[in-house]
Amino acid sequence: MNSKGPNCFQCRHFYITHEPSHPYGCQAMRFKARQLPALVVRLNSGMECHLFTPKE
């Protein structure tokens, strides 16, 4: 992780939904969003994502 928080594109839980209104998803937290999941987590909780798992 860096000072900006985890990079969703490098997380094994991240996926692209192909839904124009909610293009990004997180399998670990089971939600879809308009913004990257790590950013949504930071904006809503004030904390960094604790479920980030690097891709192999």
N, C-alpha and C. Protein backbone atom coordinates (compact mmCIF):
# COMPACT_ATOMS: atom_id res chain seq x y z
N MET A 1 0.83 -1.18 0.00
CA MET A 1 0.00 0.00 0.00
C MET A 1 0.88 1.24 0.00
N ASN A 2 0.37 2.30 -0.60
CA ASN A 2 1.11 3.54 -0.61
C ASN A 2 0.36 4.61 0.17
N SER A 3 0.85 5.84 0.17
CA SER A 3 0.22 6.91 0.94
C SER A 3 -1.17 7.26 0.43
N LYS A 4 -1.48 6.92 -0.82
CA LYS A 4 -2.80 7.19 -1.39
C LYS A 4 -3.77 6.06 -1.10
N GLY A 5 -3.32 5.02 -0.46
CA GLY A 5 -4.17 3.88 -0.18
C GLY A 5 -3.93 2.78 -1.20
N PRO A 6 -4.65 1.68 -1.06
CA PRO A 6 -4.46 0.55 -1.97
C PRO A 6 -4.93 0.86 -3.39
N ASN A 7 -4.31 0.22 -4.33
CA ASN A 7 -4.67 0.37 -5.74
C ASN A 7 -5.61 -0.77 -6.10
N CYS A 8 -6.86 -0.46 -6.34
CA CYS A 8 -7.86 -1.49 -6.63
C CYS A 8 -7.47 -2.35 -7.83
N PHE A 9 -6.80 -1.76 -8.81
CA PHE A 9 -6.43 -2.51 -10.00
C PHE A 9 -5.43 -3.61 -9.68
N GLN A 10 -4.79 -3.56 -8.52
CA GLN A 10 -3.83 -4.57 -8.11
C GLN A 10 -4.40 -5.51 -7.06
N CYS A 11 -5.70 -5.39 -6.77
CA CYS A 11 -6.35 -6.22 -5.75
C CYS A 11 -7.08 -7.39 -6.39
N ARG A 12 -7.01 -8.53 -5.78
CA ARG A 12 -7.67 -9.72 -6.33
C ARG A 12 -9.19 -9.66 -6.21
N HIS A 13 -9.75 -8.80 -5.36
CA HIS A 13 -11.19 -8.69 -5.17
C HIS A 13 -11.86 -7.71 -6.15
N PHE A 14 -11.06 -6.91 -6.83
CA PHE A 14 -11.58 -5.89 -7.74
C PHE A 14 -12.04 -6.50 -9.06
N TYR A 15 -13.13 -5.97 -9.60
CA TYR A 15 -13.57 -6.42 -10.92
C TYR A 15 -14.31 -5.28 -11.63
N ILE A 16 -14.38 -5.39 -12.95
CA ILE A 16 -15.11 -4.45 -13.79
C ILE A 16 -16.49 -5.04 -14.03
N THR A 17 -17.54 -4.26 -13.76
CA THR A 17 -18.90 -4.79 -13.85
C THR A 17 -19.50 -4.69 -15.25
N HIS A 18 -18.99 -3.77 -16.07
CA HIS A 18 -19.55 -3.48 -17.40
C HIS A 18 -20.94 -2.87 -17.32
N GLU A 19 -21.30 -2.33 -16.15
CA GLU A 19 -22.54 -1.57 -15.98
C GLU A 19 -22.14 -0.09 -16.01
N PRO A 20 -22.63 0.67 -16.97
CA PRO A 20 -22.23 2.08 -17.08
C PRO A 20 -22.46 2.91 -15.81
N SER A 21 -23.50 2.62 -15.06
CA SER A 21 -23.79 3.41 -13.87
C SER A 21 -22.93 3.03 -12.66
N HIS A 22 -22.43 1.81 -12.63
CA HIS A 22 -21.60 1.30 -11.53
C HIS A 22 -20.51 0.40 -12.13
N PRO A 23 -19.47 0.99 -12.72
CA PRO A 23 -18.50 0.19 -13.46
C PRO A 23 -17.49 -0.61 -12.63
N TYR A 24 -17.35 -0.32 -11.34
CA TYR A 24 -16.33 -0.99 -10.53
C TYR A 24 -16.98 -1.78 -9.41
N GLY A 25 -16.37 -2.92 -9.08
CA GLY A 25 -16.92 -3.74 -8.01
C GLY A 25 -15.86 -4.32 -7.12
N CYS A 26 -16.28 -4.69 -5.91
CA CYS A 26 -15.40 -5.35 -4.95
C CYS A 26 -16.09 -6.64 -4.51
N GLN A 27 -15.47 -7.76 -4.79
CA GLN A 27 -16.05 -9.05 -4.41
C GLN A 27 -16.00 -9.27 -2.91
N ALA A 28 -14.97 -8.75 -2.25
CA ALA A 28 -14.82 -8.96 -0.81
C ALA A 28 -15.91 -8.23 -0.03
N MET A 29 -16.26 -7.01 -0.46
CA MET A 29 -17.28 -6.23 0.25
C MET A 29 -18.65 -6.31 -0.41
N ARG A 30 -18.70 -6.98 -1.54
CA ARG A 30 -19.94 -7.23 -2.26
C ARG A 30 -20.71 -5.95 -2.59
N PHE A 31 -20.02 -5.03 -3.27
CA PHE A 31 -20.72 -3.84 -3.76
C PHE A 31 -20.14 -3.38 -5.08
N LYS A 32 -20.95 -2.61 -5.79
CA LYS A 32 -20.56 -2.00 -7.05
C LYS A 32 -20.62 -0.49 -6.84
N ALA A 33 -19.76 0.24 -7.55
CA ALA A 33 -19.72 1.69 -7.35
C ALA A 33 -19.33 2.42 -8.62
N ARG A 34 -19.61 3.71 -8.61
CA ARG A 34 -19.23 4.58 -9.71
C ARG A 34 -17.74 4.92 -9.62
N GLN A 35 -17.20 4.94 -8.38
CA GLN A 35 -15.79 5.23 -8.14
C GLN A 35 -15.08 3.94 -7.74
N LEU A 36 -13.75 3.99 -7.68
CA LEU A 36 -12.99 2.82 -7.25
C LEU A 36 -13.38 2.45 -5.82
N PRO A 37 -13.54 1.16 -5.53
CA PRO A 37 -13.97 0.74 -4.20
C PRO A 37 -13.12 1.27 -3.05
N ALA A 38 -11.81 1.32 -3.20
CA ALA A 38 -10.96 1.82 -2.11
C ALA A 38 -11.28 3.28 -1.80
N LEU A 39 -11.60 4.06 -2.81
CA LEU A 39 -11.96 5.45 -2.61
C LEU A 39 -13.31 5.56 -1.90
N VAL A 40 -14.25 4.73 -2.28
CA VAL A 40 -15.57 4.72 -1.63
C VAL A 40 -15.42 4.37 -0.15
N VAL A 41 -14.59 3.39 0.15
CA VAL A 41 -14.36 2.99 1.54
C VAL A 41 -13.76 4.16 2.32
N ARG A 42 -12.74 4.81 1.75
CA ARG A 42 -12.09 5.93 2.43
C ARG A 42 -13.06 7.10 2.66
N LEU A 43 -13.87 7.42 1.65
CA LEU A 43 -14.82 8.52 1.78
C LEU A 43 -15.91 8.24 2.82
N ASN A 44 -16.34 6.99 2.91
CA ASN A 44 -17.44 6.65 3.81
C ASN A 44 -17.01 6.31 5.23
N SER A 45 -15.81 5.76 5.40
CA SER A 45 -15.39 5.35 6.74
C SER A 45 -14.24 6.19 7.29
N GLY A 46 -13.52 6.88 6.40
CA GLY A 46 -12.35 7.65 6.83
C GLY A 46 -11.13 6.77 7.02
N MET A 47 -11.25 5.48 6.70
CA MET A 47 -10.14 4.54 6.86
C MET A 47 -9.80 3.93 5.51
N GLU A 48 -8.59 3.39 5.43
CA GLU A 48 -8.17 2.70 4.22
C GLU A 48 -8.83 1.32 4.17
N CYS A 49 -8.91 0.75 2.98
CA CYS A 49 -9.48 -0.58 2.80
C CYS A 49 -8.60 -1.62 3.50
N HIS A 50 -9.21 -2.42 4.36
CA HIS A 50 -8.47 -3.45 5.09
C HIS A 50 -8.58 -4.81 4.40
N LEU A 51 -9.34 -4.90 3.33
CA LEU A 51 -9.51 -6.17 2.64
C LEU A 51 -8.66 -6.28 1.38
N PHE A 52 -7.81 -5.29 1.12
CA PHE A 52 -6.93 -5.33 -0.05
C PHE A 52 -6.05 -6.57 0.02
N THR A 53 -6.07 -7.34 -1.07
CA THR A 53 -5.23 -8.53 -1.21
C THR A 53 -4.56 -8.46 -2.57
N PRO A 54 -3.22 -8.37 -2.59
CA PRO A 54 -2.53 -8.25 -3.88
C PRO A 54 -2.78 -9.45 -4.79
N LYS A 55 -2.86 -9.18 -6.08
CA LYS A 55 -2.99 -10.27 -7.07
C LYS A 55 -1.70 -11.07 -7.07
N GLU A 56 -1.81 -12.32 -7.39
CA GLU A 56 -0.63 -13.19 -7.45
C GLU A 56 0.10 -12.99 -8.74
